[in-house]
Amino acid sequence: MSEIIDFYTRIKYKKDNMIKEDDILDDLDIYDAILELEYDTIVYYDEKLLTLQGRANWSYARTFSPSQERNELQEVAKDKGIDNLYYIFCSYSLSMGIVYGIINFDINNNAIYEKIFKKENYEEVLEKLAPGLVKKFQVLNEEEEEYTDDGKDLDDIVEEMDDKISKYCYQEFIKFINETKLEELDFNC
């Protein structure tokens, strides 16, 4: 069984030699092509900040593996005069950890470049965020108890831990977006 990861992303693009920060998904042709490319669905997490949320298989970069859907996105973007699509992202899962990076889809050269800027250990972050929840999880997971003192079962605890890590990742993702200067990055490595 493959590992499903959650991710947040913010899509920027280069057109006329300038990085554009407007909502590329306002263009329905681009929107349709991006939706077809995604593993699962992709939805706005915060429409004001233009951040999106979705799921991927193993790593977010695998979404951009050669495929008919990728070719269609490339053609639509090329027709619109777009040179690059930049996916600034934060992906996270228990086994894959927390990853902050940028995927550069070079439309003109049909190339994908991925830069990873930071990785964090999911379990270590969770232990810092909610040590009490982790302890409850360990007790319930080892089947020492069926319920915690406050009447929660394993599914309740897992849901709380997922919520904590999701909020943490989003906060860190927003910081990452704000710190990222696409103009200064070299993706041809």
C-alpha atoms as a PDB file:
ATOM      1  CA  MET A   1       0.000   0.000   0.000  1.00  0.00           C
ATOM      2  CA  SER A   2       1.345   3.430  -0.889  1.00  0.00           C
ATOM      3  CA  GLU A   3       1.864   6.257   1.550  1.00  0.00           C
ATOM      4  CA  ILE A   4      -0.665   9.062   1.229  1.00  0.00           C
ATOM      5  CA  ILE A   5       0.600  12.455   2.318  1.00  0.00           C
ATOM      6  CA  ASP A   6      -1.236  15.685   3.027  1.00  0.00           C
ATOM      7  CA  PHE A   7       0.081  18.943   1.658  1.00  0.00           C
ATOM      8  CA  TYR A   8      -0.433  22.678   1.464  1.00  0.00           C
ATOM      9  CA  THR A   9       0.658  24.573  -1.608  1.00  0.00           C
ATOM     10  CA  ARG A  10       0.714  28.059  -3.072  1.00  0.00           C
ATOM     11  CA  ILE A  11       1.065  28.311  -6.849  1.00  0.00           C
ATOM     12  CA  LYS A  12       2.918  31.241  -8.383  1.00  0.00           C
ATOM     13  CA  TYR A  13       4.001  31.540 -11.987  1.00  0.00           C
ATOM     14  CA  LYS A  14       6.406  33.294 -14.313  1.00  0.00           C
ATOM     15  CA  LYS A  15       5.084  35.125 -17.346  1.00  0.00           C
ATOM     16  CA  ASP A  16       6.788  37.848 -19.387  1.00  0.00           C
ATOM     17  CA  ASN A  17       9.911  37.305 -17.269  1.00  0.00           C
ATOM     18  CA  MET A  18       8.080  38.336 -14.063  1.00  0.00           C
ATOM     19  CA  ILE A  19       6.913  36.287 -11.093  1.00  0.00           C
ATOM     20  CA  LYS A  20       3.139  36.656 -10.817  1.00  0.00           C
ATOM     21  CA  GLU A  21       1.310  36.250  -7.523  1.00  0.00           C
ATOM     22  CA  ASP A  22      -2.294  36.602  -8.637  1.00  0.00           C
ATOM     23  CA  ASP A  23      -4.622  33.611  -8.512  1.00  0.00           C
ATOM     24  CA  ILE A  24      -3.713  31.453 -11.492  1.00  0.00           C
ATOM     25  CA  LEU A  25      -6.763  29.300 -10.760  1.00  0.00           C
ATOM     26  CA  ASP A  26      -8.990  32.181 -11.898  1.00  0.00           C
ATOM     27  CA  ASP A  27      -8.126  30.990 -15.406  1.00  0.00           C
ATOM     28  CA  LEU A  28     -10.565  28.108 -15.934  1.00  0.00           C
ATOM     29  CA  ASP A  29      -8.358  26.325 -18.484  1.00  0.00           C
ATOM     30  CA  ILE A  30      -5.430  26.295 -16.041  1.00  0.00           C
ATOM     31  CA  TYR A  31      -7.752  25.360 -13.173  1.00  0.00           C
ATOM     32  CA  ASP A  32      -9.128  22.355 -15.083  1.00  0.00           C
ATOM     33  CA  ALA A  33      -5.652  21.189 -16.120  1.00  0.00           C
ATOM     34  CA  ILE A  34      -4.304  21.459 -12.556  1.00  0.00           C
ATOM     35  CA  LEU A  35      -7.280  19.555 -11.154  1.00  0.00           C
ATOM     36  CA  GLU A  36      -6.708  16.749 -13.666  1.00  0.00           C
ATOM     37  CA  LEU A  37      -3.042  16.508 -12.669  1.00  0.00           C
ATOM     38  CA  GLU A  38      -3.584  16.223  -8.921  1.00  0.00           C
ATOM     39  CA  TYR A  39      -3.643  12.777  -7.274  1.00  0.00           C
ATOM     40  CA  ASP A  40      -6.789  13.517  -5.335  1.00  0.00           C
ATOM     41  CA  THR A  41      -8.600  16.791  -5.265  1.00  0.00           C
ATOM     42  CA  ILE A  42      -7.090  20.139  -4.422  1.00  0.00           C
ATOM     43  CA  VAL A  43      -9.118  22.820  -2.651  1.00  0.00           C
ATOM     44  CA  TYR A  44      -8.574  26.288  -1.289  1.00  0.00           C
ATOM     45  CA  TYR A  45      -7.512  26.209   2.326  1.00  0.00           C
ATOM     46  CA  ASP A  46      -7.466  29.995   2.562  1.00  0.00           C
ATOM     47  CA  GLU A  47      -8.766  31.753  -0.538  1.00  0.00           C
ATOM     48  CA  LYS A  48      -7.529  35.150   0.659  1.00  0.00           C
ATOM     49  CA  LEU A  49      -3.935  33.865   0.915  1.00  0.00           C
ATOM     50  CA  LEU A  50      -4.389  31.666  -2.193  1.00  0.00           C
ATOM     51  CA  THR A  51      -3.250  28.581  -0.300  1.00  0.00           C
ATOM     52  CA  LEU A  52      -4.466  25.160  -1.349  1.00  0.00           C
ATOM     53  CA  GLN A  53      -4.751  21.831   0.406  1.00  0.00           C
ATOM     54  CA  GLY A  54      -4.676  18.340  -1.037  1.00  0.00           C
ATOM     55  CA  ARG A  55      -3.294  14.827  -0.870  1.00  0.00           C
ATOM     56  CA  ALA A  56      -0.553  13.125  -2.840  1.00  0.00           C
ATOM     57  CA  ASN A  57       1.018   9.723  -3.213  1.00  0.00           C
ATOM     58  CA  TRP A  58       4.473   9.342  -1.528  1.00  0.00           C
ATOM     59  CA  SER A  59       5.763  12.809  -2.370  1.00  0.00           C
ATOM     60  CA  TYR A  60       4.181  15.881  -3.871  1.00  0.00           C
ATOM     61  CA  ALA A  61       6.765  15.919  -6.683  1.00  0.00           C
ATOM     62  CA  ARG A  62       5.439  12.554  -7.930  1.00  0.00           C
ATOM     63  CA  THR A  63       2.274  14.403  -8.943  1.00  0.00           C
ATOM     64  CA  PHE A  64       4.369  15.848 -11.774  1.00  0.00           C
ATOM     65  CA  SER A  65       5.638  12.540 -13.167  1.00  0.00           C
ATOM     66  CA  PRO A  66       5.337  12.300 -16.953  1.00  0.00           C
ATOM     67  CA  SER A  67       1.690  11.738 -17.860  1.00  0.00           C
ATOM     68  CA  GLN A  68      -1.006  12.833 -20.257  1.00  0.00           C
ATOM     69  CA  GLU A  69      -2.344  15.182 -17.554  1.00  0.00           C
ATOM     70  CA  ARG A  70       1.055  16.826 -17.119  1.00  0.00           C
ATOM     71  CA  ASN A  71       1.334  17.249 -20.895  1.00  0.00           C
ATOM     72  CA  GLU A  72      -2.097  18.895 -20.966  1.00  0.00           C
ATOM     73  CA  LEU A  73      -1.134  21.322 -18.206  1.00  0.00           C
ATOM     74  CA  GLN A  74       2.070  22.122 -20.065  1.00  0.00           C
ATOM     75  CA  GLU A  75       0.172  22.834 -23.301  1.00  0.00           C
ATOM     76  CA  VAL A  76      -2.439  25.023 -21.603  1.00  0.00           C
ATOM     77  CA  ALA A  77       0.242  26.966 -19.714  1.00  0.00           C
ATOM     78  CA  LYS A  78       2.329  27.381 -22.868  1.00  0.00           C
ATOM     79  CA  ASP A  79      -0.730  28.681 -24.753  1.00  0.00           C
ATOM     80  CA  LYS A  80      -1.221  31.256 -21.972  1.00  0.00           C
ATOM     81  CA  GLY A  81       2.393  32.453 -22.245  1.00  0.00           C
ATOM     82  CA  ILE A  82       3.421  30.980 -18.889  1.00  0.00           C
ATOM     83  CA  ASP A  83       7.091  30.004 -18.605  1.00  0.00           C
ATOM     84  CA  ASN A  84       7.127  28.396 -15.153  1.00  0.00           C
ATOM     85  CA  LEU A  85       4.684  27.183 -12.524  1.00  0.00           C
ATOM     86  CA  TYR A  86       6.073  27.325  -8.991  1.00  0.00           C
ATOM     87  CA  TYR A  87       4.450  25.144  -6.363  1.00  0.00           C
ATOM     88  CA  ILE A  88       5.627  26.267  -2.937  1.00  0.00           C
ATOM     89  CA  PHE A  89       4.604  23.417  -0.643  1.00  0.00           C
ATOM     90  CA  CYS A  90       4.623  21.764   2.750  1.00  0.00           C
ATOM     91  CA  SER A  91       3.837  18.046   2.766  1.00  0.00           C
ATOM     92  CA  TYR A  92       3.447  15.888   5.829  1.00  0.00           C
ATOM     93  CA  SER A  93       2.799  12.329   6.954  1.00  0.00           C
ATOM     94  CA  LEU A  94       3.927  10.175   9.843  1.00  0.00           C
ATOM     95  CA  SER A  95       6.365   8.060   7.814  1.00  0.00           C
ATOM     96  CA  MET A  96       7.537  10.714   5.342  1.00  0.00           C
ATOM     97  CA  GLY A  97       7.940  13.530   7.869  1.00  0.00           C
ATOM     98  CA  ILE A  98       7.313  17.218   7.245  1.00  0.00           C
ATOM     99  CA  VAL A  99       8.875  18.593   4.061  1.00  0.00           C
ATOM    100  CA  TYR A 100       9.071  22.215   2.868  1.00  0.00           C
ATOM    101  CA  GLY A 101      10.048  22.800  -0.729  1.00  0.00           C
ATOM    102  CA  ILE A 102       9.373  24.228  -4.155  1.00  0.00           C
ATOM    103  CA  ILE A 103       8.539  22.435  -7.358  1.00  0.00           C
ATOM    104  CA  ASN A 104       9.374  24.363 -10.508  1.00  0.00           C
ATOM    105  CA  PHE A 105       7.496  23.130 -13.571  1.00  0.00           C
ATOM    106  CA  ASP A 106       9.589  24.614 -16.392  1.00  0.00           C
ATOM    107  CA  ILE A 107       6.927  24.776 -19.105  1.00  0.00           C
ATOM    108  CA  ASN A 108       9.226  25.632 -22.020  1.00  0.00           C
ATOM    109  CA  ASN A 109      11.652  22.777 -21.321  1.00  0.00           C
ATOM    110  CA  ASN A 110       9.043  20.317 -19.996  1.00  0.00           C
ATOM    111  CA  ALA A 111      11.179  19.798 -16.897  1.00  0.00           C
ATOM    112  CA  ILE A 112      10.439  19.444 -13.209  1.00  0.00           C
ATOM    113  CA  TYR A 113      12.863  20.707 -10.596  1.00  0.00           C
ATOM    114  CA  GLU A 114      12.315  20.124  -6.900  1.00  0.00           C
ATOM    115  CA  LYS A 115      14.188  21.899  -4.126  1.00  0.00           C
ATOM    116  CA  ILE A 116      13.765  20.762  -0.550  1.00  0.00           C
ATOM    117  CA  PHE A 117      14.563  23.493   1.948  1.00  0.00           C
ATOM    118  CA  LYS A 118      13.683  21.912   5.260  1.00  0.00           C
ATOM    119  CA  LYS A 119      12.643  18.566   6.718  1.00  0.00           C
ATOM    120  CA  GLU A 120      11.269  17.898  10.171  1.00  0.00           C
ATOM    121  CA  ASN A 121      10.587  14.684  12.031  1.00  0.00           C
ATOM    122  CA  TYR A 122       6.806  14.341  12.371  1.00  0.00           C
ATOM    123  CA  GLU A 123       6.953  12.461  15.664  1.00  0.00           C
ATOM    124  CA  GLU A 124       9.423  14.870  17.264  1.00  0.00           C
ATOM    125  CA  VAL A 125       7.293  17.860  16.287  1.00  0.00           C
ATOM    126  CA  LEU A 126       4.166  16.173  17.618  1.00  0.00           C
ATOM    127  CA  GLU A 127       5.937  15.315  20.886  1.00  0.00           C
ATOM    128  CA  LYS A 128       6.821  19.018  21.331  1.00  0.00           C
ATOM    129  CA  LEU A 129       3.326  20.206  20.376  1.00  0.00           C
ATOM    130  CA  ALA A 130       1.279  17.767  22.434  1.00  0.00           C
ATOM    131  CA  PRO A 131       3.239  15.418  24.694  1.00  0.00           C
ATOM    132  CA  GLY A 132       0.069  14.489  26.603  1.00  0.00           C
ATOM    133  CA  LEU A 133      -1.686  13.391  23.432  1.00  0.00           C
ATOM    134  CA  VAL A 134       1.316  11.315  22.390  1.00  0.00           C
ATOM    135  CA  LYS A 135       1.294   9.576  25.764  1.00  0.00           C
ATOM    136  CA  LYS A 136      -2.444   8.850  25.461  1.00  0.00           C
ATOM    137  CA  PHE A 137      -1.853   7.502  21.960  1.00  0.00           C
ATOM    138  CA  GLN A 138       0.905   5.197  23.210  1.00  0.00           C
ATOM    139  CA  VAL A 139      -1.272   3.844  26.021  1.00  0.00           C
ATOM    140  CA  LEU A 140      -4.249   3.228  23.728  1.00  0.00           C
ATOM    141  CA  ASN A 141      -2.150   1.924  20.849  1.00  0.00           C
ATOM    142  CA  GLU A 142      -0.437  -0.630  23.076  1.00  0.00           C
ATOM    143  CA  GLU A 143      -3.926  -1.764  24.111  1.00  0.00           C
ATOM    144  CA  GLU A 144      -3.239  -1.108  27.757  1.00  0.00           C
ATOM    145  CA  GLU A 145      -6.572   0.720  27.840  1.00  0.00           C
ATOM    146  CA  GLU A 146      -9.555   1.069  25.522  1.00  0.00           C
ATOM    147  CA  TYR A 147     -10.408   4.630  26.557  1.00  0.00           C
ATOM    148  CA  THR A 148      -8.554   7.507  28.202  1.00  0.00           C
ATOM    149  CA  ASP A 149      -9.659   9.028  31.494  1.00  0.00           C
ATOM    150  CA  ASP A 150     -11.632  11.619  29.552  1.00  0.00           C
ATOM    151  CA  GLY A 151     -13.501   8.959  27.548  1.00  0.00           C
ATOM    152  CA  LYS A 152     -11.594   9.257  24.273  1.00  0.00           C
ATOM    153  CA  ASP A 153     -10.668   6.259  22.168  1.00  0.00           C
ATOM    154  CA  LEU A 154      -7.724   5.753  19.795  1.00  0.00           C
ATOM    155  CA  ASP A 155      -9.524   7.323  16.823  1.00  0.00           C
ATOM    156  CA  ASP A 156     -10.302  10.453  18.876  1.00  0.00           C
ATOM    157  CA  ILE A 157      -6.659  10.813  19.896  1.00  0.00           C
ATOM    158  CA  VAL A 158      -5.381  10.269  16.336  1.00  0.00           C
ATOM    159  CA  GLU A 159      -7.813  12.919  15.097  1.00  0.00           C
ATOM    160  CA  GLU A 160      -6.569  15.397  17.727  1.00  0.00           C
ATOM    161  CA  MET A 161      -2.940  14.676  16.826  1.00  0.00           C
ATOM    162  CA  ASP A 162      -3.689  15.121  13.111  1.00  0.00           C
ATOM    163  CA  ASP A 163      -5.384  18.437  13.853  1.00  0.00           C
ATOM    164  CA  LYS A 164      -2.394  19.683  15.894  1.00  0.00           C
ATOM    165  CA  ILE A 165       0.171  18.699  13.257  1.00  0.00           C
ATOM    166  CA  SER A 166      -1.960  20.124  10.440  1.00  0.00           C
ATOM    167  CA  LYS A 167      -2.231  23.506  12.174  1.00  0.00           C
ATOM    168  CA  TYR A 168       1.485  23.531  12.939  1.00  0.00           C
ATOM    169  CA  CYS A 169       2.381  22.676   9.330  1.00  0.00           C
ATOM    170  CA  TYR A 170       0.125  25.401   7.980  1.00  0.00           C
ATOM    171  CA  GLN A 171       1.628  28.052  10.274  1.00  0.00           C
ATOM    172  CA  GLU A 172       5.143  27.013   9.276  1.00  0.00           C
ATOM    173  CA  PHE A 173       4.089  26.854   5.615  1.00  0.00           C
ATOM    174  CA  ILE A 174       2.890  30.478   5.711  1.00  0.00           C
ATOM    175  CA  LYS A 175       6.266  31.496   7.183  1.00  0.00           C
ATOM    176  CA  PHE A 176       8.013  29.519   4.434  1.00  0.00           C
ATOM    177  CA  ILE A 177       5.979  31.269   1.710  1.00  0.00           C
ATOM    178  CA  ASN A 178       6.818  34.670   3.168  1.00  0.00           C
ATOM    179  CA  GLU A 179      10.545  33.857   3.380  1.00  0.00           C
ATOM    180  CA  THR A 180      10.774  32.424  -0.148  1.00  0.00           C
ATOM    181  CA  LYS A 181      12.162  34.696  -2.850  1.00  0.00           C
ATOM    182  CA  LEU A 182      11.639  32.852  -6.138  1.00  0.00           C
ATOM    183  CA  GLU A 183      13.636  35.454  -8.085  1.00  0.00           C
ATOM    184  CA  GLU A 184      16.771  34.520  -6.135  1.00  0.00           C
ATOM    185  CA  LEU A 185      16.535  30.741  -6.611  1.00  0.00           C
ATOM    186  CA  ASP A 186      18.456  28.692  -9.159  1.00  0.00           C
ATOM    187  CA  PHE A 187      16.545  25.578 -10.134  1.00  0.00           C
ATOM    188  CA  ASN A 188      18.860  24.368 -12.871  1.00  0.00           C
ATOM    189  CA  CYS A 189      20.864  22.089 -10.647  1.00  0.00           C
END
